[in-house]
Amino acid sequence: MAVLRFPDTDTRIDGEPEIRAALGEMGIDYERWSLDRVPADCSAGEVLTAYADEIAAMKQRGGYVTADVIDVNPETPNLDAMLAKFDKEHTHDEDEVRFILVGRGIFFLHIGGRVASVEVGPGDMLRVPRGITHWFTLCEDRRIRAIRWFQDTAGWTPHYTDSGVDRGYQPLCFGPVYMGARVENPFAKSLGA
């Protein structure tokens, strides 16, 4: 299950209803979906078939026209270049919607002058609406498999803010205690941040 943190106040929010409410106040949708439909190692086609009802409902809800399965692991060719496109503060012209099947990642959300970090894992569905300033990175195992939705695949290009805000936050997940820690955190400094 996701963990939501506000590093500026060292506030941590656990629990599905609490996370959903806090993210909802920021305009972010969060839900927990069942993972019992398919084994973790099934094909992308099997995933899309197993979750066809949820995919269709999400398409109708958000005006999405397509969905696919992304599967990233340490052996993915050009992984560092791929991750570098999204680990700096940016926005998109369309929503970023992910249902995590395997692995973990962290979304940093910069809303109203405040940064929140959301570590997502298997069973978490997160929708970051178009125009929300954010960035994303994988956790230390560099593994994620997720269903993603698109309104227009051409619209998913990152538009960088060049604010530098992202440089003030630890770029890796270190578990629920320190994930999303600001660089000024003494523990983060000891890790060479």
Protein backbone atom coordinates (compact mmCIF):
# COMPACT_ATOMS: atom_id res chain seq x y z
CA MET A 1 0.00 0.00 0.00
CA ALA A 2 1.08 3.56 -0.69
CA VAL A 3 2.70 5.80 1.88
CA LEU A 4 2.16 9.57 1.67
CA ARG A 5 4.70 11.95 3.19
CA PHE A 6 5.05 15.68 3.50
CA PRO A 7 8.81 16.07 3.99
CA ASP A 8 8.64 19.75 5.06
CA THR A 9 6.75 18.77 8.22
CA ASP A 10 7.98 15.15 8.41
CA THR A 11 4.33 14.06 8.31
CA ARG A 12 3.52 10.52 7.24
CA ILE A 13 0.06 9.28 6.29
CA ASP A 14 -0.72 5.56 6.16
CA GLY A 15 -3.98 3.76 5.49
CA GLU A 16 -6.08 3.74 2.36
CA PRO A 17 -8.90 6.06 3.51
CA GLU A 18 -6.47 8.60 4.97
CA ILE A 19 -4.23 8.61 1.88
CA ARG A 20 -7.23 8.84 -0.45
CA ALA A 21 -8.62 11.81 1.51
CA ALA A 22 -5.30 13.69 1.73
CA LEU A 23 -4.50 13.18 -1.95
CA GLY A 24 -8.07 14.02 -2.90
CA GLU A 25 -7.65 17.44 -1.24
CA MET A 26 -4.72 17.98 -3.63
CA GLY A 27 -6.75 16.89 -6.68
CA ILE A 28 -5.01 13.50 -6.96
CA ASP A 29 -7.04 10.28 -7.27
CA TYR A 30 -5.88 7.27 -5.27
CA GLU A 31 -7.50 3.84 -5.09
CA ARG A 32 -6.56 0.29 -4.10
CA TRP A 33 -7.36 -2.42 -6.65
CA SER A 34 -7.24 -6.18 -6.29
CA LEU A 35 -4.18 -8.04 -7.55
CA ASP A 36 -5.77 -11.50 -7.54
CA ARG A 37 -6.69 -11.61 -11.24
CA VAL A 38 -3.40 -12.73 -12.78
CA PRO A 39 0.02 -13.96 -11.67
CA ALA A 40 2.80 -11.37 -11.55
CA ASP A 41 4.63 -12.99 -14.48
CA CYS A 42 1.71 -13.17 -16.95
CA SER A 43 1.80 -11.48 -20.35
CA ALA A 44 0.70 -7.89 -20.96
CA GLY A 45 -2.24 -9.22 -22.98
CA GLU A 46 -3.40 -11.35 -20.05
CA VAL A 47 -3.21 -8.32 -17.76
CA LEU A 48 -5.26 -6.17 -20.13
CA THR A 49 -7.87 -8.93 -20.51
CA ALA A 50 -8.08 -9.58 -16.76
CA TYR A 51 -8.58 -5.89 -15.97
CA ALA A 52 -10.74 -5.10 -19.03
CA ASP A 53 -13.68 -3.85 -16.94
CA GLU A 54 -11.53 -1.50 -14.86
CA ILE A 55 -9.68 -0.32 -17.96
CA ALA A 56 -12.97 0.45 -19.72
CA ALA A 57 -14.38 2.23 -16.66
CA MET A 58 -11.23 4.35 -16.34
CA LYS A 59 -11.34 5.18 -20.06
CA GLN A 60 -14.90 6.40 -19.69
CA ARG A 61 -14.13 8.30 -16.49
CA GLY A 62 -11.12 10.18 -17.87
CA GLY A 63 -11.63 10.23 -21.61
CA TYR A 64 -8.68 7.91 -22.16
CA VAL A 65 -8.49 6.23 -25.56
CA THR A 66 -5.89 3.55 -24.91
CA ALA A 67 -4.19 1.55 -22.18
CA ASP A 68 -1.05 -0.53 -22.12
CA VAL A 69 1.27 -2.33 -19.71
CA ILE A 70 4.72 -0.95 -19.01
CA ASP A 71 7.26 -3.38 -17.60
CA VAL A 72 10.57 -1.92 -16.44
CA ASN A 73 13.38 -3.74 -14.65
CA PRO A 74 17.14 -3.30 -14.20
CA GLU A 75 17.78 -5.07 -17.54
CA THR A 76 15.53 -2.71 -19.54
CA PRO A 77 17.63 -1.19 -22.34
CA ASN A 78 18.40 2.51 -21.82
CA LEU A 79 16.72 2.47 -18.41
CA ASP A 80 18.75 5.39 -17.06
CA ALA A 81 17.87 7.56 -20.06
CA MET A 82 14.19 6.61 -19.72
CA LEU A 83 14.13 7.46 -16.02
CA ALA A 84 16.01 10.73 -16.59
CA LYS A 85 13.04 11.99 -18.64
CA PHE A 86 10.78 11.88 -15.58
CA ASP A 87 12.98 12.45 -12.52
CA LYS A 88 12.95 16.25 -12.91
CA GLU A 89 9.98 18.46 -12.07
CA HIS A 90 7.56 18.59 -15.01
CA THR A 91 3.93 18.64 -16.11
CA HIS A 92 2.05 16.85 -18.89
CA ASP A 93 -0.73 17.95 -21.22
CA GLU A 94 -2.74 14.94 -20.12
CA ASP A 95 -3.29 12.90 -16.97
CA GLU A 96 -0.71 10.42 -15.74
CA VAL A 97 -2.61 7.32 -14.60
CA ARG A 98 -0.95 4.19 -13.24
CA PHE A 99 -2.15 0.95 -11.65
CA ILE A 100 0.90 -0.73 -10.13
CA LEU A 101 1.09 -4.49 -10.58
CA VAL A 102 4.69 -5.18 -9.50
CA GLY A 103 7.50 -3.08 -8.03
CA ARG A 104 7.59 0.33 -6.39
CA GLY A 105 8.12 3.91 -7.39
CA ILE A 106 7.79 7.35 -5.91
CA PHE A 107 5.82 10.30 -7.23
CA PHE A 108 6.78 13.70 -5.88
CA LEU A 109 3.91 16.19 -6.18
CA HIS A 110 4.59 19.95 -6.02
CA ILE A 111 1.24 21.59 -5.35
CA GLY A 112 0.57 25.00 -3.83
CA GLY A 113 4.22 25.51 -2.87
CA ARG A 114 4.34 22.25 -0.94
CA VAL A 115 5.96 18.93 -1.91
CA ALA A 116 4.41 15.57 -1.07
CA SER A 117 5.88 12.18 -1.88
CA VAL A 118 3.76 9.13 -2.61
CA GLU A 119 5.50 5.78 -2.68
CA VAL A 120 3.30 3.46 -4.73
CA GLY A 121 3.44 -0.32 -4.88
CA PRO A 122 1.40 -3.31 -6.01
CA GLY A 123 -2.35 -2.63 -5.91
CA ASP A 124 -2.06 1.17 -5.93
CA MET A 125 -3.83 3.21 -8.62
CA LEU A 126 -2.81 6.86 -8.85
CA ARG A 127 -4.09 9.56 -11.22
CA VAL A 128 -2.07 12.77 -11.44
CA PRO A 129 -4.20 15.24 -13.46
CA ARG A 130 -2.74 17.18 -16.37
CA GLY A 131 -0.88 20.30 -15.35
CA ILE A 132 0.07 19.07 -11.86
CA THR A 133 3.78 19.65 -11.25
CA HIS A 134 5.48 16.38 -10.32
CA TRP A 135 8.39 14.02 -10.90
CA PHE A 136 8.85 10.26 -10.60
CA THR A 137 11.56 7.71 -9.95
CA LEU A 138 11.78 4.01 -9.28
CA CYS A 139 12.73 2.60 -5.92
CA GLU A 140 16.05 0.92 -5.31
CA ASP A 141 15.10 -2.36 -7.02
CA ARG A 142 14.44 -0.37 -10.24
CA ARG A 143 11.37 -2.47 -11.03
CA ILE A 144 7.83 -1.50 -11.93
CA ARG A 145 5.03 -3.08 -13.93
CA ALA A 146 1.87 -1.05 -14.37
CA ILE A 147 -1.19 -0.47 -16.48
CA ARG A 148 -1.19 3.07 -17.84
CA TRP A 149 -3.90 5.03 -19.63
CA PHE A 150 -3.55 7.71 -22.31
CA GLN A 151 -5.89 10.35 -23.70
CA ASP A 152 -3.41 10.92 -26.53
CA THR A 153 -0.02 9.24 -26.43
CA ALA A 154 1.51 12.28 -28.13
CA GLY A 155 0.41 14.44 -25.18
CA TRP A 156 2.46 12.56 -22.63
CA THR A 157 5.63 14.56 -23.26
CA PRO A 158 7.12 16.08 -20.10
CA HIS A 159 7.21 19.88 -19.92
CA TYR A 160 10.05 20.71 -17.52
CA THR A 161 9.70 23.59 -15.07
CA ASP A 162 13.47 24.01 -14.55
CA SER A 163 12.63 25.18 -11.02
CA GLY A 164 15.26 23.00 -9.36
CA VAL A 165 12.81 22.00 -6.63
CA ASP A 166 13.36 18.31 -7.43
CA ARG A 167 17.07 18.63 -6.54
CA GLY A 168 16.14 19.34 -2.91
CA TYR A 169 14.65 15.89 -2.36
CA GLN A 170 16.18 12.46 -2.00
CA PRO A 171 15.78 10.77 -5.39
CA LEU A 172 15.39 7.19 -4.10
CA CYS A 173 12.92 5.33 -1.93
CA PHE A 174 14.49 4.17 1.29
CA GLY A 175 11.46 2.49 2.77
CA PRO A 176 8.51 4.05 4.50
CA VAL A 177 10.49 5.95 7.15
CA TYR A 178 12.73 8.05 4.91
CA MET A 179 11.14 7.90 1.50
CA GLY A 180 10.93 11.31 -0.02
CA ALA A 181 13.21 12.84 2.59
CA ARG A 182 14.45 16.37 1.99
CA VAL A 183 18.19 16.60 1.45
CA GLU A 184 18.50 18.57 4.71
CA ASN A 185 17.45 15.41 6.56
CA PRO A 186 20.60 14.27 8.46
CA PHE A 187 19.98 10.65 7.44
CA ALA A 188 19.77 11.66 3.77
CA LYS A 189 23.05 13.61 4.08
CA SER A 190 24.75 10.55 5.53
CA LEU A 191 23.73 8.66 2.40
CA GLY A 192 25.66 11.13 0.27
CA ALA A 193 22.66 13.14 -0.91
